[in-house]
């Protein structure tokens, strides 16, 4: 039996209202990293962050494709996605 990993695409809102999009296999741990200032440069000084959106994928490749798509959007389109979720 093959157990596939579950990959999460996530969007977090930083304390300054900016949105960050990323992927992770362990969403809880990744959000904790962002809140400790160890997630990435973008969120290092923008914590605390809160999870505002997540989407599940069965492969890293699928999650990366969706991440690239969303990162190409303007903020208003991302907010529309959040409002329709």
N, C-alpha and C. Protein backbone atom coordinates (compact mmCIF):
# COMPACT_ATOMS: atom_id res chain seq x y z
N UNK A 1 0.85 -1.19 0.00
CA UNK A 1 0.00 0.00 0.00
C UNK A 1 0.89 1.24 0.00
N UNK A 2 0.61 2.15 -0.90
CA UNK A 2 1.37 3.39 -1.00
C UNK A 2 0.59 4.51 -0.32
N UNK A 3 1.23 5.16 0.61
CA UNK A 3 0.61 6.29 1.30
C UNK A 3 1.15 7.56 0.68
N UNK A 4 0.26 8.35 0.11
CA UNK A 4 0.68 9.61 -0.50
C UNK A 4 0.71 10.70 0.55
N UNK A 5 1.64 11.61 0.36
CA UNK A 5 1.71 12.77 1.23
C UNK A 5 0.56 13.72 0.90
N UNK A 6 0.17 14.47 1.87
CA UNK A 6 -0.81 15.53 1.67
C UNK A 6 -0.05 16.85 1.72
N UNK A 7 -0.18 17.63 0.68
CA UNK A 7 0.46 18.93 0.61
C UNK A 7 -0.60 20.02 0.75
N UNK A 8 -0.24 21.05 1.49
CA UNK A 8 -1.14 22.18 1.70
C UNK A 8 -0.60 23.41 0.99
N UNK A 9 -1.46 24.07 0.26
CA UNK A 9 -1.20 25.42 -0.17
C UNK A 9 -1.88 26.28 0.89
N UNK A 10 -1.22 27.31 1.35
CA UNK A 10 -1.83 28.15 2.39
C UNK A 10 -1.59 29.62 2.10
N UNK A 11 -2.51 30.41 2.59
CA UNK A 11 -2.36 31.86 2.57
C UNK A 11 -2.50 32.33 4.00
N UNK A 12 -1.52 33.13 4.43
CA UNK A 12 -1.58 33.70 5.77
C UNK A 12 -1.66 35.22 5.64
N UNK A 13 -2.30 35.81 6.63
CA UNK A 13 -2.36 37.27 6.69
C UNK A 13 -1.41 37.72 7.80
N UNK A 14 -0.53 38.63 7.45
CA UNK A 14 0.44 39.16 8.41
C UNK A 14 -0.20 40.28 9.22
N UNK A 15 0.48 40.67 10.30
CA UNK A 15 -0.09 41.71 11.18
C UNK A 15 -0.27 43.04 10.47
N UNK A 16 0.47 43.27 9.37
CA UNK A 16 0.31 44.51 8.62
C UNK A 16 -0.70 44.39 7.47
N UNK A 17 -1.41 43.25 7.42
CA UNK A 17 -2.44 43.06 6.41
C UNK A 17 -1.95 42.46 5.10
N UNK A 18 -0.64 42.30 4.96
CA UNK A 18 -0.10 41.69 3.75
C UNK A 18 -0.39 40.20 3.74
N UNK A 19 -0.53 39.64 2.54
CA UNK A 19 -0.82 38.22 2.38
C UNK A 19 0.42 37.49 1.88
N UNK A 20 0.66 36.32 2.42
CA UNK A 20 1.77 35.47 1.99
C UNK A 20 1.21 34.11 1.61
N UNK A 21 1.67 33.59 0.48
CA UNK A 21 1.23 32.30 -0.01
C UNK A 21 2.40 31.33 0.00
N UNK A 22 2.16 30.12 0.50
CA UNK A 22 3.21 29.12 0.53
C UNK A 22 2.63 27.72 0.49
N UNK A 23 3.52 26.72 0.55
CA UNK A 23 3.09 25.33 0.61
C UNK A 23 3.83 24.64 1.74
N UNK A 24 3.22 23.57 2.24
CA UNK A 24 3.86 22.81 3.32
C UNK A 24 3.20 21.44 3.42
N UNK A 25 3.95 20.50 3.92
CA UNK A 25 3.41 19.17 4.19
C UNK A 25 2.88 19.11 5.63
N UNK A 26 3.37 20.01 6.49
CA UNK A 26 2.94 20.08 7.89
C UNK A 26 2.50 21.52 8.17
N UNK A 27 1.25 21.78 7.93
CA UNK A 27 0.73 23.15 7.98
C UNK A 27 0.84 23.76 9.38
N UNK A 28 0.50 23.01 10.39
CA UNK A 28 0.56 23.54 11.76
C UNK A 28 1.98 23.97 12.12
N UNK A 29 2.95 23.13 11.82
CA UNK A 29 4.35 23.45 12.12
C UNK A 29 4.80 24.67 11.33
N UNK A 30 4.38 24.76 10.08
CA UNK A 30 4.80 25.88 9.23
C UNK A 30 4.25 27.20 9.74
N UNK A 31 3.01 27.22 10.15
CA UNK A 31 2.43 28.46 10.70
C UNK A 31 3.17 28.85 11.98
N UNK A 32 3.48 27.87 12.81
CA UNK A 32 4.25 28.14 14.04
C UNK A 32 5.61 28.74 13.70
N UNK A 33 6.26 28.22 12.65
CA UNK A 33 7.55 28.78 12.23
C UNK A 33 7.39 30.24 11.83
N UNK A 34 6.38 30.54 11.04
CA UNK A 34 6.14 31.93 10.64
C UNK A 34 5.95 32.81 11.87
N UNK A 35 5.21 32.34 12.85
CA UNK A 35 4.93 33.14 14.04
C UNK A 35 6.14 33.29 14.96
N UNK A 36 7.11 32.41 14.84
CA UNK A 36 8.36 32.54 15.61
C UNK A 36 9.41 33.36 14.86
N UNK A 37 9.08 33.79 13.64
CA UNK A 37 10.02 34.57 12.85
C UNK A 37 11.00 33.72 12.07
N UNK A 38 10.71 32.43 11.94
CA UNK A 38 11.61 31.52 11.23
C UNK A 38 10.99 30.97 9.95
N UNK A 39 9.87 31.52 9.52
CA UNK A 39 9.18 30.99 8.34
C UNK A 39 9.86 31.38 7.04
N UNK A 40 10.09 32.66 6.87
CA UNK A 40 10.74 33.19 5.67
C UNK A 40 11.03 34.67 5.92
N UNK A 41 11.80 35.26 5.02
CA UNK A 41 12.13 36.68 5.18
C UNK A 41 10.89 37.57 5.15
N UNK A 42 9.94 37.23 4.28
CA UNK A 42 8.76 38.07 4.12
C UNK A 42 7.98 38.21 5.42
N UNK A 43 7.85 37.14 6.17
CA UNK A 43 7.03 37.18 7.40
C UNK A 43 7.85 37.39 8.67
N UNK A 44 9.16 37.42 8.55
CA UNK A 44 10.03 37.49 9.74
C UNK A 44 9.64 38.61 10.71
N UNK A 45 9.37 39.78 10.19
CA UNK A 45 9.02 40.92 11.05
C UNK A 45 7.57 41.34 10.91
N UNK A 46 6.77 40.45 10.34
CA UNK A 46 5.35 40.74 10.14
C UNK A 46 4.46 39.82 10.98
N UNK A 47 5.02 39.18 11.96
CA UNK A 47 4.22 38.27 12.78
C UNK A 47 3.58 39.04 13.93
N UNK A 48 2.50 38.55 14.49
CA UNK A 48 1.93 37.24 14.24
C UNK A 48 1.17 37.18 12.91
N UNK A 49 1.07 35.97 12.41
CA UNK A 49 0.32 35.72 11.19
C UNK A 49 -0.88 34.84 11.54
N UNK A 50 -1.88 34.88 10.68
CA UNK A 50 -3.02 33.96 10.88
C UNK A 50 -3.36 33.30 9.56
N UNK A 51 -3.71 32.05 9.65
CA UNK A 51 -4.10 31.29 8.48
C UNK A 51 -5.46 31.76 8.01
N UNK A 52 -5.55 32.13 6.72
CA UNK A 52 -6.82 32.61 6.19
C UNK A 52 -7.35 31.73 5.05
N UNK A 53 -6.50 30.82 4.54
CA UNK A 53 -6.93 29.95 3.45
C UNK A 53 -6.01 28.74 3.36
N UNK A 54 -6.60 27.59 3.04
CA UNK A 54 -5.78 26.41 2.77
C UNK A 54 -6.47 25.57 1.71
N UNK A 55 -5.66 24.86 0.96
CA UNK A 55 -6.14 23.97 -0.08
C UNK A 55 -5.26 22.73 -0.04
N UNK A 56 -5.85 21.56 -0.20
CA UNK A 56 -5.12 20.30 -0.08
C UNK A 56 -4.82 19.73 -1.46
N UNK A 57 -3.60 19.22 -1.61
CA UNK A 57 -3.16 18.58 -2.85
C UNK A 57 -2.52 17.24 -2.53
N UNK A 58 -2.53 16.35 -3.50
CA UNK A 58 -1.96 15.02 -3.29
C UNK A 58 -0.51 14.92 -3.71
N UNK A 59 0.05 16.02 -4.25
CA UNK A 59 1.46 16.00 -4.62
C UNK A 59 2.07 17.39 -4.46
N UNK A 60 3.36 17.41 -4.24
CA UNK A 60 4.09 18.67 -4.13
C UNK A 60 3.99 19.45 -5.43
N UNK A 61 4.08 18.74 -6.54
CA UNK A 61 4.02 19.36 -7.85
C UNK A 61 2.72 20.14 -8.05
N UNK A 62 1.60 19.53 -7.70
CA UNK A 62 0.30 20.22 -7.84
C UNK A 62 0.24 21.45 -6.95
N UNK A 63 0.73 21.32 -5.72
CA UNK A 63 0.71 22.45 -4.78
C UNK A 63 1.59 23.59 -5.29
N UNK A 64 2.76 23.25 -5.84
CA UNK A 64 3.66 24.28 -6.37
C UNK A 64 3.04 25.02 -7.55
N UNK A 65 2.34 24.29 -8.41
CA UNK A 65 1.68 24.93 -9.55
C UNK A 65 0.63 25.92 -9.09
N UNK A 66 -0.15 25.53 -8.11
CA UNK A 66 -1.20 26.43 -7.59
C UNK A 66 -0.57 27.62 -6.87
N UNK A 67 0.51 27.37 -6.12
CA UNK A 67 1.21 28.46 -5.44
C UNK A 67 1.70 29.50 -6.45
N UNK A 68 2.32 29.04 -7.53
CA UNK A 68 2.82 29.95 -8.56
C UNK A 68 1.68 30.75 -9.18
N UNK A 69 0.56 30.07 -9.42
CA UNK A 69 -0.60 30.76 -9.99
C UNK A 69 -1.07 31.88 -9.07
N UNK A 70 -1.27 31.56 -7.79
CA UNK A 70 -1.79 32.55 -6.85
C UNK A 70 -0.79 33.67 -6.60
N UNK A 71 0.50 33.35 -6.54
CA UNK A 71 1.51 34.40 -6.33
C UNK A 71 1.54 35.39 -7.48
N UNK A 72 1.05 34.99 -8.64
CA UNK A 72 0.98 35.90 -9.78
C UNK A 72 -0.21 36.84 -9.75
N UNK A 73 -1.12 36.62 -8.84
CA UNK A 73 -2.32 37.44 -8.75
C UNK A 73 -2.07 38.73 -7.97
N UNK A 74 -2.87 39.73 -8.24
CA UNK A 74 -2.88 40.94 -7.42
C UNK A 74 -3.67 40.66 -6.14
N UNK A 75 -3.46 41.50 -5.13
CA UNK A 75 -4.07 41.28 -3.82
C UNK A 75 -5.59 41.21 -3.90
N UNK A 76 -6.21 42.04 -4.72
CA UNK A 76 -7.68 42.04 -4.77
C UNK A 76 -8.22 40.70 -5.27
N UNK A 77 -7.52 40.05 -6.16
CA UNK A 77 -7.96 38.74 -6.63
C UNK A 77 -7.78 37.68 -5.53
N UNK A 78 -6.70 37.82 -4.75
CA UNK A 78 -6.49 36.89 -3.62
C UNK A 78 -7.61 37.06 -2.58
N UNK A 79 -7.98 38.30 -2.33
CA UNK A 79 -9.05 38.57 -1.36
C UNK A 79 -10.36 37.99 -1.87
N UNK A 80 -10.59 38.07 -3.18
CA UNK A 80 -11.80 37.47 -3.76
C UNK A 80 -11.81 35.95 -3.51
N UNK A 81 -10.64 35.32 -3.68
CA UNK A 81 -10.52 33.88 -3.40
C UNK A 81 -10.88 33.59 -1.94
N UNK A 82 -10.35 34.40 -1.02
CA UNK A 82 -10.62 34.20 0.41
C UNK A 82 -12.10 34.38 0.72
N UNK A 83 -12.72 35.37 0.10
CA UNK A 83 -14.13 35.64 0.35
C UNK A 83 -15.05 34.55 -0.21
N UNK A 84 -14.60 33.86 -1.25
CA UNK A 84 -15.41 32.82 -1.87
C UNK A 84 -15.11 31.43 -1.34
N UNK A 85 -14.18 31.34 -0.42
CA UNK A 85 -13.79 30.02 0.12
C UNK A 85 -14.80 29.51 1.13
